[in-house]
């Protein structure tokens, strides 16, 4: 009887890892941005469960001892993974998902070669099936990460904890925080220019105080009004960076008018024409602005879905994946 110890060991490892994969996919369902993505993740989880059954079947056929512990370990691994990733940004969690898929694909490749050498066609066919599945998931995760890198919105949304973690990690670069820092610089630059012009220090202080009071006042009447006022003040003071940062924050909140959208006459377009126009946008930023506007104002699902698909298309181009 042939020694299939290596094959059995790999099948056992694949059962464990695929169990973790299934549980991770199920935890991701609640993070789906659209119903289409939710259905895809549900199907992925169901497919992983089917792969577990297929791997277990081959394991038993080779005389492997039925394993009742591995599935429980897989579920525990997924629970622990989900818990740990709550303390890190979404992109870090996705990178770990990608690492898991690469390991699964590498083991499937190794299993295929072992099966060829042992002349086990059913195991070889299983290995090829696993390779196909994991390569597709690797590609999907790569695109989702590219969407996130391009500013999103990505197919998956961060959980509340991940948003906090991501905000903490990127606080120095967050638009609103950046805007606040730049407003402080505007105050300082106003004072410096007054001093350099030879004007009295008291006048410069009055000007800076007045400016600061104006900004503080706007913060009390609402976030949107504050950002709009800050943008106007920054542009008036010649601080383009601060103005652009305030504008970016407004765009993220969906607080833009139809005239500010990258599609002319947007509000007059039918849903079908708006979908067509969205598909012609060539930057993730422009698509994102339209998505935020739709989510805030009109809430037309078909346009949001089309825009999300366009973000994915641009992300695929960025990472060299065929659309």
Protein backbone atom coordinates (compact mmCIF):
# COMPACT_ATOMS: atom_id res chain seq x y z
CA UNK A 1 0.00 0.00 0.00
CA UNK A 2 1.37 3.39 -0.99
CA UNK A 3 2.43 5.79 1.73
CA UNK A 4 0.02 8.72 1.41
CA UNK A 5 1.04 10.39 4.65
CA UNK A 6 1.96 13.70 3.02
CA UNK A 7 -1.31 13.82 1.09
CA UNK A 8 -3.32 13.04 4.22
CA UNK A 9 -1.48 15.74 6.16
CA UNK A 10 -2.20 18.31 3.46
CA UNK A 11 -5.86 17.33 3.27
CA UNK A 12 -6.15 17.75 7.03
CA UNK A 13 -4.49 21.15 6.87
CA UNK A 14 -6.80 22.16 4.02
CA UNK A 15 -9.87 21.15 6.02
CA UNK A 16 -8.72 23.35 8.91
CA UNK A 17 -7.89 26.34 6.74
CA UNK A 18 -11.02 26.03 4.63
CA UNK A 19 -13.14 25.88 7.77
CA UNK A 20 -11.56 29.17 8.81
CA UNK A 21 -12.14 30.53 5.30
CA UNK A 22 -15.84 29.67 5.49
CA UNK A 23 -16.32 31.35 8.85
CA UNK A 24 -14.44 34.45 7.72
CA UNK A 25 -16.65 34.68 4.61
CA UNK A 26 -19.73 34.52 6.80
CA UNK A 27 -18.45 37.30 9.04
CA UNK A 28 -17.81 39.42 5.94
CA UNK A 29 -21.45 39.14 4.80
CA UNK A 30 -22.53 41.79 7.29
CA UNK A 31 -19.85 44.11 5.86
CA UNK A 32 -21.11 43.91 2.27
CA UNK A 33 -21.81 47.35 0.82
CA UNK A 34 -24.43 46.16 -1.67
CA UNK A 35 -26.92 43.32 -1.93
CA UNK A 36 -24.99 41.91 -4.88
CA UNK A 37 -21.82 41.66 -2.80
CA UNK A 38 -23.84 40.14 0.06
CA UNK A 39 -25.12 37.41 -2.24
CA UNK A 40 -21.61 36.79 -3.57
CA UNK A 41 -20.15 36.42 -0.08
CA UNK A 42 -22.97 34.09 0.95
CA UNK A 43 -22.28 31.94 -2.11
CA UNK A 44 -18.56 31.98 -1.33
CA UNK A 45 -19.22 30.75 2.20
CA UNK A 46 -21.53 28.00 0.92
CA UNK A 47 -18.92 26.98 -1.65
CA UNK A 48 -16.28 26.79 1.08
CA UNK A 49 -18.56 24.49 3.09
CA UNK A 50 -18.91 22.27 0.02
CA UNK A 51 -15.14 22.20 -0.42
CA UNK A 52 -14.79 21.08 3.20
CA UNK A 53 -17.09 18.13 2.48
CA UNK A 54 -15.15 17.24 -0.66
CA UNK A 55 -11.78 17.39 1.12
CA UNK A 56 -13.12 15.32 4.02
CA UNK A 57 -14.44 12.72 1.58
CA UNK A 58 -11.01 12.29 -0.01
CA UNK A 59 -9.38 12.20 3.41
CA UNK A 60 -11.58 9.31 4.46
CA UNK A 61 -11.09 7.53 1.14
CA UNK A 62 -7.34 7.50 1.80
CA UNK A 63 -7.81 6.03 5.25
CA UNK A 64 -7.42 9.25 7.13
CA UNK A 65 -8.93 9.17 10.61
CA UNK A 66 -12.24 11.11 10.68
CA UNK A 67 -11.45 14.42 12.31
CA UNK A 68 -14.06 15.85 14.65
CA UNK A 69 -11.67 18.33 16.23
CA UNK A 70 -10.49 20.22 13.14
CA UNK A 71 -13.86 21.87 12.32
CA UNK A 72 -14.13 23.19 15.87
CA UNK A 73 -10.57 24.50 15.65
CA UNK A 74 -11.41 26.16 12.34
CA UNK A 75 -14.42 27.90 13.84
CA UNK A 76 -12.38 28.98 16.84
CA UNK A 77 -9.64 30.34 14.55
CA UNK A 78 -12.19 32.37 12.64
CA UNK A 79 -13.73 33.75 15.83
CA UNK A 80 -10.31 34.73 17.14
CA UNK A 81 -9.38 36.27 13.81
CA UNK A 82 -12.59 38.29 13.73
CA UNK A 83 -11.95 39.47 17.28
CA UNK A 84 -8.35 40.49 16.68
CA UNK A 85 -9.11 42.34 13.47
CA UNK A 86 -11.61 44.60 15.26
CA UNK A 87 -8.58 46.40 16.67
CA UNK A 88 -7.06 47.08 13.24
CA UNK A 89 -8.10 48.96 10.11
CA UNK A 90 -10.14 47.22 7.41
CA UNK A 91 -7.21 47.03 5.00
CA UNK A 92 -5.18 45.03 7.53
CA UNK A 93 -8.03 42.55 7.98
CA UNK A 94 -8.32 42.17 4.20
CA UNK A 95 -4.59 41.62 3.86
CA UNK A 96 -4.88 38.79 6.38
CA UNK A 97 -7.77 37.33 4.36
CA UNK A 98 -5.55 37.52 1.29
CA UNK A 99 -2.72 35.78 3.13
CA UNK A 100 -5.09 32.95 4.08
CA UNK A 101 -6.19 32.52 0.46
CA UNK A 102 -2.59 32.44 -0.77
CA UNK A 103 -1.77 29.73 1.76
CA UNK A 104 -4.80 27.71 0.65
CA UNK A 105 -3.83 28.09 -2.99
CA UNK A 106 -0.20 27.13 -2.31
CA UNK A 107 -1.24 24.03 -0.41
CA UNK A 108 -3.66 23.06 -3.18
CA UNK A 109 -0.82 23.39 -5.69
CA UNK A 110 1.41 21.21 -3.54
CA UNK A 111 -1.40 18.68 -3.13
CA UNK A 112 -1.85 18.52 -6.89
CA UNK A 113 1.78 17.58 -7.44
CA UNK A 114 1.64 14.99 -4.65
CA UNK A 115 -1.51 13.50 -6.21
CA UNK A 116 0.12 13.33 -9.65
CA UNK A 117 3.12 11.50 -8.22
CA UNK A 118 0.89 9.10 -6.29
CA UNK A 119 -1.36 8.59 -9.34
CA UNK A 120 -4.51 9.62 -7.47
CA UNK A 121 -6.72 11.30 -10.13
CA UNK A 122 -9.56 12.15 -7.74
CA UNK A 123 -7.25 13.96 -5.37
CA UNK A 124 -5.64 15.71 -8.32
CA UNK A 125 -9.05 16.83 -9.59
CA UNK A 126 -9.92 18.11 -6.11
CA UNK A 127 -6.66 20.04 -5.93
CA UNK A 128 -7.38 21.69 -9.28
CA UNK A 129 -10.86 22.63 -8.09
CA UNK A 130 -9.36 24.20 -4.98
CA UNK A 131 -6.81 26.12 -7.05
CA UNK A 132 -9.53 27.58 -9.27
CA UNK A 133 -11.59 28.70 -6.27
CA UNK A 134 -8.71 30.28 -4.37
CA UNK A 135 -7.28 32.07 -7.39
CA UNK A 136 -10.69 33.67 -7.96
CA UNK A 137 -10.90 34.76 -4.32
CA UNK A 138 -7.35 36.12 -4.40
CA UNK A 139 -8.25 38.20 -7.42
CA UNK A 140 -11.43 39.46 -5.75
CA UNK A 141 -9.65 40.45 -2.54
CA UNK A 142 -6.88 42.14 -4.53
CA UNK A 143 -9.50 44.25 -6.30
CA UNK A 144 -11.26 45.13 -3.03
CA UNK A 145 -7.94 46.26 -1.56
CA UNK A 146 -7.29 48.33 -4.68
CA UNK A 147 -10.73 49.93 -4.27
CA UNK A 148 -9.84 50.82 -0.69
CA UNK A 149 -6.44 52.17 -1.76
CA UNK A 150 -8.12 54.37 -4.38
CA UNK A 151 -10.35 55.88 -1.74
CA UNK A 152 -13.29 53.53 -2.20
CA UNK A 153 -15.99 52.94 -1.52
CA UNK A 154 -14.86 49.32 -1.45
CA UNK A 155 -17.15 46.33 -1.83
CA UNK A 156 -16.72 45.70 1.91
CA UNK A 157 -17.40 48.27 4.60
CA UNK A 158 -15.40 48.58 7.79
CA UNK A 159 -17.13 47.61 11.01
CA UNK A 160 -17.63 50.31 13.63
CA UNK A 161 -14.52 49.15 15.49
CA UNK A 162 -12.50 49.01 12.27
CA UNK A 163 -13.58 52.53 11.36
CA UNK A 164 -12.32 53.74 14.71
CA UNK A 165 -9.07 51.81 14.25
CA UNK A 166 -8.65 53.13 10.73
CA UNK A 167 -9.36 56.67 11.82
CA UNK A 168 -6.78 56.42 14.58
CA UNK A 169 -4.19 54.99 12.21
CA UNK A 170 -4.82 57.66 9.61
CA UNK A 171 -5.76 60.56 11.87
CA UNK A 172 -2.98 62.80 10.60
CA UNK A 173 -4.23 62.40 7.03
CA UNK A 174 -7.99 62.41 7.61
CA UNK A 175 -9.66 65.23 5.64
CA UNK A 176 -11.47 66.84 8.58
CA UNK A 177 -8.39 66.62 10.82
CA UNK A 178 -6.24 67.95 7.99
CA UNK A 179 -8.71 70.78 7.47
CA UNK A 180 -8.58 71.68 11.17
CA UNK A 181 -4.78 71.76 11.10
CA UNK A 182 -4.78 73.90 7.99
CA UNK A 183 -7.27 76.36 9.49
CA UNK A 184 -4.86 76.84 12.38
CA UNK A 185 -2.13 77.51 9.84
CA UNK A 186 -4.34 80.08 8.11
CA UNK A 187 -4.72 81.93 11.42
CA UNK A 188 -0.96 81.85 11.89
CA UNK A 189 -0.24 82.92 8.33
CA UNK A 190 -2.62 85.87 8.62
CA UNK A 191 -0.79 87.05 11.70
CA UNK A 192 2.61 86.56 10.08
CA UNK A 193 1.64 88.54 7.00
CA UNK A 194 0.40 91.42 9.15
CA UNK A 195 3.63 91.48 11.08
CA UNK A 196 5.76 91.26 7.96
CA UNK A 197 3.82 94.15 6.47
CA UNK A 198 4.78 96.29 9.44
CA UNK A 199 1.29 96.56 10.86
CA UNK A 200 0.68 96.70 14.55
CA UNK A 201 0.73 93.42 16.41
CA UNK A 202 -2.57 94.24 18.07
CA UNK A 203 -4.28 94.55 14.70
CA UNK A 204 -2.89 91.19 13.60
CA UNK A 205 -4.10 89.66 16.86
CA UNK A 206 -7.54 91.13 16.37
CA UNK A 207 -7.68 89.73 12.85
CA UNK A 208 -6.57 86.28 13.96
CA UNK A 209 -9.01 86.34 16.86
CA UNK A 210 -11.85 87.37 14.59
CA UNK A 211 -10.99 84.60 12.16
CA UNK A 212 -10.82 82.01 14.95
CA UNK A 213 -14.14 83.16 16.37
CA UNK A 214 -15.74 82.87 12.93
CA UNK A 215 -14.54 79.30 12.54
CA UNK A 216 -15.68 78.41 16.05
CA UNK A 217 -19.09 79.92 15.36
CA UNK A 218 -19.56 77.83 12.21
CA UNK A 219 -18.83 74.64 14.13
CA UNK A 220 -21.86 75.27 16.31
CA UNK A 221 -24.35 75.47 13.44
CA UNK A 222 -23.62 72.08 11.89
CA UNK A 223 -20.87 70.09 10.30
CA UNK A 224 -21.86 70.83 6.70
CA UNK A 225 -22.18 74.56 7.25
CA UNK A 226 -18.88 74.56 9.11
CA UNK A 227 -17.05 72.89 6.26
CA UNK A 228 -18.57 75.20 3.66
CA UNK A 229 -17.67 78.28 5.69
CA UNK A 230 -14.18 76.99 6.35
CA UNK A 231 -13.70 76.33 2.65
CA UNK A 232 -14.77 79.87 1.75
CA UNK A 233 -12.54 81.40 4.40
CA UNK A 234 -9.56 79.30 3.36
CA UNK A 235 -9.98 80.26 -0.30
CA UNK A 236 -10.33 83.91 0.62
CA UNK A 237 -7.13 83.70 2.62
CA UNK A 238 -5.36 81.99 -0.27
CA UNK A 239 -4.90 78.67 1.52
CA UNK A 240 -5.74 76.25 -1.26
CA UNK A 241 -4.71 73.13 0.65
CA UNK A 242 -7.09 73.87 3.52
CA UNK A 243 -9.89 74.70 1.08
CA UNK A 244 -9.35 71.48 -0.86
CA UNK A 245 -9.31 69.47 2.35
CA UNK A 246 -12.61 70.99 3.46
CA UNK A 247 -14.05 70.27 0.02
CA UNK A 248 -12.88 66.65 0.26
CA UNK A 249 -14.59 66.32 3.64
CA UNK A 250 -17.83 67.68 2.18
CA UNK A 251 -17.62 65.22 -0.70
CA UNK A 252 -17.12 62.34 1.72
CA UNK A 253 -20.26 63.43 3.57
CA UNK A 254 -22.22 63.76 0.33
CA UNK A 255 -22.63 67.47 1.04
CA UNK A 256 -22.25 68.72 -2.53
CA UNK A 257 -24.71 70.26 -4.95
CA UNK A 258 -25.59 68.74 -8.30
CA UNK A 259 -23.54 71.49 -9.97
CA UNK A 260 -20.43 70.27 -8.14
CA UNK A 261 -20.75 66.71 -9.48
CA UNK A 262 -18.39 65.50 -12.23
CA UNK A 263 -21.40 64.82 -14.50
CA UNK A 264 -23.00 67.88 -16.07
CA UNK A 265 -26.74 68.25 -15.65
CA UNK A 266 -26.80 65.23 -13.35
CA UNK A 267 -30.13 65.98 -11.68
CA UNK A 268 -31.87 66.24 -15.05
CA UNK A 269 -30.68 62.79 -16.20
CA UNK A 270 -32.91 59.75 -16.14
CA UNK A 271 -31.72 56.78 -14.09
CA UNK A 272 -30.64 54.98 -17.28
CA UNK A 273 -28.68 58.00 -18.54
CA UNK A 274 -27.12 58.54 -15.11
CA UNK A 275 -25.92 54.91 -15.05
CA UNK A 276 -24.42 55.36 -18.51
CA UNK A 277 -22.67 58.58 -17.45
CA UNK A 278 -21.26 56.95 -14.32
CA UNK A 279 -19.72 54.17 -16.42
CA UNK A 280 -17.81 56.83 -18.38
CA UNK A 281 -16.12 58.31 -15.30
CA UNK A 282 -12.39 57.56 -15.27
CA UNK A 283 -11.27 58.39 -11.73
CA UNK A 284 -12.25 56.71 -8.48
CA UNK A 285 -12.64 60.16 -6.90
CA UNK A 286 -15.32 61.21 -9.38
CA UNK A 287 -17.23 57.94 -8.97
CA UNK A 288 -17.00 58.25 -5.20
CA UNK A 289 -18.47 61.76 -5.26
CA UNK A 290 -21.46 60.51 -7.24
CA UNK A 291 -21.97 57.56 -4.87
CA UNK A 292 -21.94 59.79 -1.80
CA UNK A 293 -24.35 62.23 -3.48
CA UNK A 294 -26.75 59.42 -4.38
CA UNK A 295 -26.56 57.85 -0.93
CA UNK A 296 -27.26 61.21 0.70
CA UNK A 297 -29.87 62.66 -1.65
CA UNK A 298 -31.62 60.38 -4.16
CA UNK A 299 -30.78 56.88 -2.93
CA UNK A 300 -31.21 55.24 -6.35
CA UNK A 301 -29.88 51.73 -5.84
CA UNK A 302 -29.28 51.02 -9.52
CA UNK A 303 -26.99 54.04 -9.85
CA UNK A 304 -25.10 53.23 -6.65
CA UNK A 305 -24.60 49.65 -7.85
CA UNK A 306 -23.40 50.84 -11.26
CA UNK A 307 -21.01 53.28 -9.61
CA UNK A 308 -19.69 50.57 -7.30
CA UNK A 309 -19.10 48.36 -10.34
CA UNK A 310 -17.21 51.20 -12.01
CA UNK A 311 -14.97 51.57 -8.94
CA UNK A 312 -14.24 47.84 -9.18
CA UNK A 313 -13.44 48.22 -12.89
CA UNK A 314 -10.98 51.04 -12.18
CA UNK A 315 -9.45 49.01 -9.34
CA UNK A 316 -8.96 46.02 -11.65
CA UNK A 317 -7.19 48.28 -14.14
CA UNK A 318 -4.97 49.58 -11.34
CA UNK A 319 -3.84 46.09 -10.28
CA UNK A 320 -3.70 44.62 -13.78
CA UNK A 321 -6.67 42.27 -13.43
CA UNK A 322 -8.74 41.58 -16.53
CA UNK A 323 -12.17 43.13 -16.22
